[in-house]
Amino acid sequence: MWVIYVIQNSGTKELYFGFTSNLKRRLEEHNSGKNISTKRNTGKWMIIYAEAYRDKSDAMNREKRLKHHGSGKHELLKRLPKSRL
């Protein structure tokens, strides 16, 4: 099982999109500062959205569309008004 996810930092309110086969471990990595892209001095990263896929390439393609195509990201975020900080 592969998961694309959206996390948000409680301090900076930044969003980060990613994919993984182990969501719990990956969130721990983000919060421990092991990922240079999400290393912050304040706040904690929290999951605000996740989608599950059986195939890795499907998850990778979805993550790529969310990261690099504004309309996909914009439409997803419109569905999450109360989930974001």
N, C-alpha and C. Protein backbone atom coordinates (compact mmCIF):
# COMPACT_ATOMS: atom_id res chain seq x y z
N MET A 1 0.84 -1.17 0.00
CA MET A 1 0.00 0.00 0.00
C MET A 1 0.89 1.24 0.00
N TRP A 2 0.55 2.16 -0.85
CA TRP A 2 1.28 3.44 -0.96
C TRP A 2 0.32 4.56 -0.65
N VAL A 3 0.81 5.60 0.00
CA VAL A 3 -0.04 6.70 0.44
C VAL A 3 0.56 8.03 -0.01
N ILE A 4 -0.27 8.86 -0.63
CA ILE A 4 0.15 10.26 -0.82
C ILE A 4 -0.47 11.02 0.34
N TYR A 5 0.23 12.02 0.82
CA TYR A 5 -0.25 12.71 2.01
C TYR A 5 0.04 14.20 1.92
N VAL A 6 -0.73 14.95 2.69
CA VAL A 6 -0.50 16.38 2.84
C VAL A 6 -0.33 16.60 4.33
N ILE A 7 0.77 17.26 4.70
CA ILE A 7 1.00 17.61 6.09
C ILE A 7 1.12 19.12 6.19
N GLN A 8 0.82 19.64 7.38
CA GLN A 8 0.92 21.07 7.60
C GLN A 8 1.67 21.31 8.91
N ASN A 9 2.52 22.33 8.89
CA ASN A 9 3.28 22.69 10.07
C ASN A 9 2.43 23.60 10.96
N SER A 10 2.33 23.25 12.24
CA SER A 10 1.49 24.01 13.16
C SER A 10 2.04 25.40 13.46
N GLY A 11 3.33 25.59 13.28
CA GLY A 11 3.93 26.90 13.54
C GLY A 11 3.91 27.82 12.34
N THR A 12 4.38 27.31 11.21
CA THR A 12 4.52 28.14 10.01
C THR A 12 3.31 28.08 9.09
N LYS A 13 2.44 27.10 9.29
CA LYS A 13 1.24 26.85 8.46
C LYS A 13 1.58 26.37 7.05
N GLU A 14 2.85 26.05 6.80
CA GLU A 14 3.26 25.55 5.49
C GLU A 14 2.65 24.18 5.22
N LEU A 15 2.45 23.88 3.95
CA LEU A 15 1.97 22.57 3.51
C LEU A 15 3.10 21.83 2.83
N TYR A 16 3.07 20.49 2.94
CA TYR A 16 4.04 19.64 2.26
C TYR A 16 3.29 18.45 1.71
N PHE A 17 3.56 18.09 0.46
CA PHE A 17 2.95 16.94 -0.21
C PHE A 17 4.01 15.86 -0.38
N GLY A 18 3.67 14.61 -0.11
CA GLY A 18 4.62 13.53 -0.27
C GLY A 18 3.92 12.20 -0.48
N PHE A 19 4.73 11.13 -0.64
CA PHE A 19 4.17 9.78 -0.71
C PHE A 19 5.10 8.82 0.00
N THR A 20 4.53 7.73 0.50
CA THR A 20 5.29 6.77 1.29
C THR A 20 4.57 5.44 1.35
N SER A 21 5.28 4.42 1.78
CA SER A 21 4.65 3.12 2.04
C SER A 21 4.40 2.94 3.53
N ASN A 22 4.90 3.87 4.36
CA ASN A 22 4.71 3.78 5.81
C ASN A 22 4.47 5.20 6.35
N LEU A 23 3.22 5.56 6.46
CA LEU A 23 2.85 6.93 6.81
C LEU A 23 3.29 7.30 8.23
N LYS A 24 3.13 6.40 9.16
CA LYS A 24 3.53 6.69 10.55
C LYS A 24 5.02 6.99 10.65
N ARG A 25 5.84 6.14 10.04
CA ARG A 25 7.29 6.34 10.06
C ARG A 25 7.67 7.65 9.36
N ARG A 26 7.03 7.92 8.26
CA ARG A 26 7.36 9.12 7.48
C ARG A 26 7.02 10.39 8.25
N LEU A 27 5.89 10.41 8.95
CA LEU A 27 5.53 11.57 9.74
C LEU A 27 6.55 11.78 10.87
N GLU A 28 6.99 10.69 11.48
CA GLU A 28 8.02 10.79 12.52
C GLU A 28 9.30 11.38 11.96
N GLU A 29 9.67 10.99 10.73
CA GLU A 29 10.86 11.54 10.09
C GLU A 29 10.72 13.05 9.85
N HIS A 30 9.55 13.47 9.40
CA HIS A 30 9.32 14.90 9.18
C HIS A 30 9.46 15.67 10.49
N ASN A 31 8.90 15.14 11.56
CA ASN A 31 8.92 15.84 12.83
C ASN A 31 10.26 15.77 13.55
N SER A 32 11.12 14.83 13.18
CA SER A 32 12.42 14.73 13.83
C SER A 32 13.49 15.53 13.10
N GLY A 33 13.13 16.15 11.97
CA GLY A 33 14.08 16.97 11.23
C GLY A 33 14.98 16.18 10.29
N LYS A 34 14.63 14.92 9.99
CA LYS A 34 15.44 14.10 9.10
C LYS A 34 15.27 14.45 7.63
N ASN A 35 14.21 15.17 7.31
CA ASN A 35 13.96 15.58 5.94
C ASN A 35 14.29 17.07 5.81
N ILE A 36 15.25 17.39 4.98
CA ILE A 36 15.70 18.78 4.82
C ILE A 36 14.57 19.69 4.35
N SER A 37 13.65 19.15 3.56
CA SER A 37 12.54 19.96 3.03
C SER A 37 11.55 20.38 4.11
N THR A 38 11.47 19.62 5.20
CA THR A 38 10.50 19.94 6.25
C THR A 38 11.15 20.24 7.60
N LYS A 39 12.43 20.47 7.60
CA LYS A 39 13.12 20.80 8.85
C LYS A 39 12.79 22.24 9.24
N ARG A 40 12.15 22.40 10.40
CA ARG A 40 11.75 23.71 10.89
C ARG A 40 12.13 23.84 12.36
N ASN A 41 12.34 25.08 12.82
CA ASN A 41 12.66 25.33 14.22
C ASN A 41 11.42 25.38 15.10
N THR A 42 10.27 25.62 14.51
CA THR A 42 9.04 25.73 15.29
C THR A 42 7.97 24.82 14.71
N GLY A 43 7.00 24.48 15.55
CA GLY A 43 5.83 23.73 15.11
C GLY A 43 6.07 22.26 14.90
N LYS A 44 4.96 21.55 14.71
CA LYS A 44 4.96 20.13 14.44
C LYS A 44 4.20 19.89 13.16
N TRP A 45 4.61 18.89 12.40
CA TRP A 45 3.91 18.52 11.17
C TRP A 45 2.75 17.61 11.53
N MET A 46 1.57 17.89 10.94
CA MET A 46 0.37 17.10 11.18
C MET A 46 -0.24 16.69 9.85
N ILE A 47 -0.75 15.48 9.80
CA ILE A 47 -1.41 15.00 8.58
C ILE A 47 -2.77 15.69 8.47
N ILE A 48 -3.03 16.28 7.31
CA ILE A 48 -4.35 16.87 7.08
C ILE A 48 -5.11 16.14 5.97
N TYR A 49 -4.40 15.28 5.20
CA TYR A 49 -5.06 14.55 4.12
C TYR A 49 -4.20 13.38 3.68
N ALA A 50 -4.84 12.29 3.26
CA ALA A 50 -4.11 11.13 2.74
C ALA A 50 -4.98 10.37 1.75
N GLU A 51 -4.34 9.79 0.74
CA GLU A 51 -5.00 8.92 -0.25
C GLU A 51 -4.17 7.65 -0.36
N ALA A 52 -4.82 6.50 -0.43
CA ALA A 52 -4.10 5.22 -0.52
C ALA A 52 -4.17 4.65 -1.94
N TYR A 53 -3.07 4.03 -2.37
CA TYR A 53 -2.95 3.40 -3.69
C TYR A 53 -2.30 2.03 -3.55
N ARG A 54 -2.70 1.09 -4.39
CA ARG A 54 -2.07 -0.23 -4.38
C ARG A 54 -0.77 -0.23 -5.18
N ASP A 55 -0.67 0.65 -6.15
CA ASP A 55 0.50 0.66 -7.03
C ASP A 55 1.37 1.89 -6.76
N LYS A 56 2.67 1.67 -6.64
CA LYS A 56 3.61 2.75 -6.34
C LYS A 56 3.60 3.83 -7.42
N SER A 57 3.55 3.42 -8.68
CA SER A 57 3.60 4.41 -9.77
C SER A 57 2.36 5.30 -9.77
N ASP A 58 1.20 4.75 -9.40
CA ASP A 58 0.00 5.57 -9.29
C ASP A 58 0.18 6.64 -8.21
N ALA A 59 0.73 6.25 -7.07
CA ALA A 59 0.97 7.19 -5.98
C ALA A 59 1.99 8.25 -6.39
N MET A 60 3.05 7.84 -7.06
CA MET A 60 4.09 8.78 -7.49
C MET A 60 3.52 9.80 -8.47
N ASN A 61 2.71 9.33 -9.42
CA ASN A 61 2.11 10.23 -10.40
C ASN A 61 1.15 11.23 -9.75
N ARG A 62 0.37 10.76 -8.78
CA ARG A 62 -0.57 11.65 -8.08
C ARG A 62 0.21 12.71 -7.28
N GLU A 63 1.26 12.30 -6.58
CA GLU A 63 2.08 13.25 -5.83
C GLU A 63 2.69 14.29 -6.76
N LYS A 64 3.19 13.84 -7.89
CA LYS A 64 3.80 14.76 -8.86
C LYS A 64 2.78 15.78 -9.36
N ARG A 65 1.56 15.31 -9.65
CA ARG A 65 0.52 16.24 -10.11
C ARG A 65 0.17 17.26 -9.03
N LEU A 66 0.12 16.82 -7.79
CA LEU A 66 -0.21 17.75 -6.70
C LEU A 66 0.91 18.76 -6.46
N LYS A 67 2.15 18.33 -6.58
CA LYS A 67 3.28 19.22 -6.32
C LYS A 67 3.52 20.20 -7.47
N HIS A 68 3.29 19.77 -8.70
CA HIS A 68 3.73 20.57 -9.85
C HIS A 68 2.62 21.14 -10.71
N HIS A 69 1.39 20.82 -10.41
CA HIS A 69 0.28 21.35 -11.21
C HIS A 69 -0.68 22.09 -10.29
N GLY A 70 -0.71 23.38 -10.39
CA GLY A 70 -1.50 24.21 -9.51
C GLY A 70 -2.96 23.85 -9.41
N SER A 71 -3.58 23.43 -10.51
CA SER A 71 -5.02 23.19 -10.47
C SER A 71 -5.37 21.98 -9.60
N GLY A 72 -4.59 20.91 -9.67
CA GLY A 72 -4.84 19.73 -8.83
C GLY A 72 -4.68 20.06 -7.36
N LYS A 73 -3.64 20.77 -7.04
CA LYS A 73 -3.38 21.18 -5.66
C LYS A 73 -4.48 22.13 -5.18
N HIS A 74 -4.84 23.09 -6.01
CA HIS A 74 -5.86 24.07 -5.66
C HIS A 74 -7.21 23.38 -5.40
N GLU A 75 -7.59 22.45 -6.26
CA GLU A 75 -8.87 21.75 -6.09
C GLU A 75 -8.87 20.92 -4.81
N LEU A 76 -7.78 20.25 -4.51
CA LEU A 76 -7.70 19.46 -3.29
C LEU A 76 -7.83 20.36 -2.06
N LEU A 77 -7.11 21.46 -2.04
CA LEU A 77 -7.14 22.35 -0.89
C LEU A 77 -8.50 23.01 -0.70
N LYS A 78 -9.25 23.20 -1.78
CA LYS A 78 -10.60 23.74 -1.66
C LYS A 78 -11.52 22.77 -0.91
N ARG A 79 -11.21 21.47 -0.98
CA ARG A 79 -12.02 20.46 -0.28
C ARG A 79 -11.66 20.34 1.20
N LEU A 80 -10.61 21.02 1.63
CA LEU A 80 -10.12 20.87 3.00
C LEU A 80 -10.14 22.17 3.82
N PRO A 81 -11.12 23.01 3.67
CA PRO A 81 -11.06 24.32 4.36
C PRO A 81 -10.99 24.22 5.88
N LYS A 82 -11.63 23.24 6.46
CA LYS A 82 -11.67 23.14 7.93
C LYS A 82 -10.57 22.21 8.45
N SER A 83 -9.88 21.51 7.58
CA SER A 83 -8.81 20.60 8.01
C SER A 83 -7.49 21.33 8.15
N ARG A 84 -7.36 22.46 7.47
CA ARG A 84 -6.11 23.22 7.54
C ARG A 84 -6.12 24.12 8.76
N LEU A 85 -4.93 24.47 9.23
CA LEU A 85 -4.80 25.34 10.40
C LEU A 85 -5.04 26.79 10.03
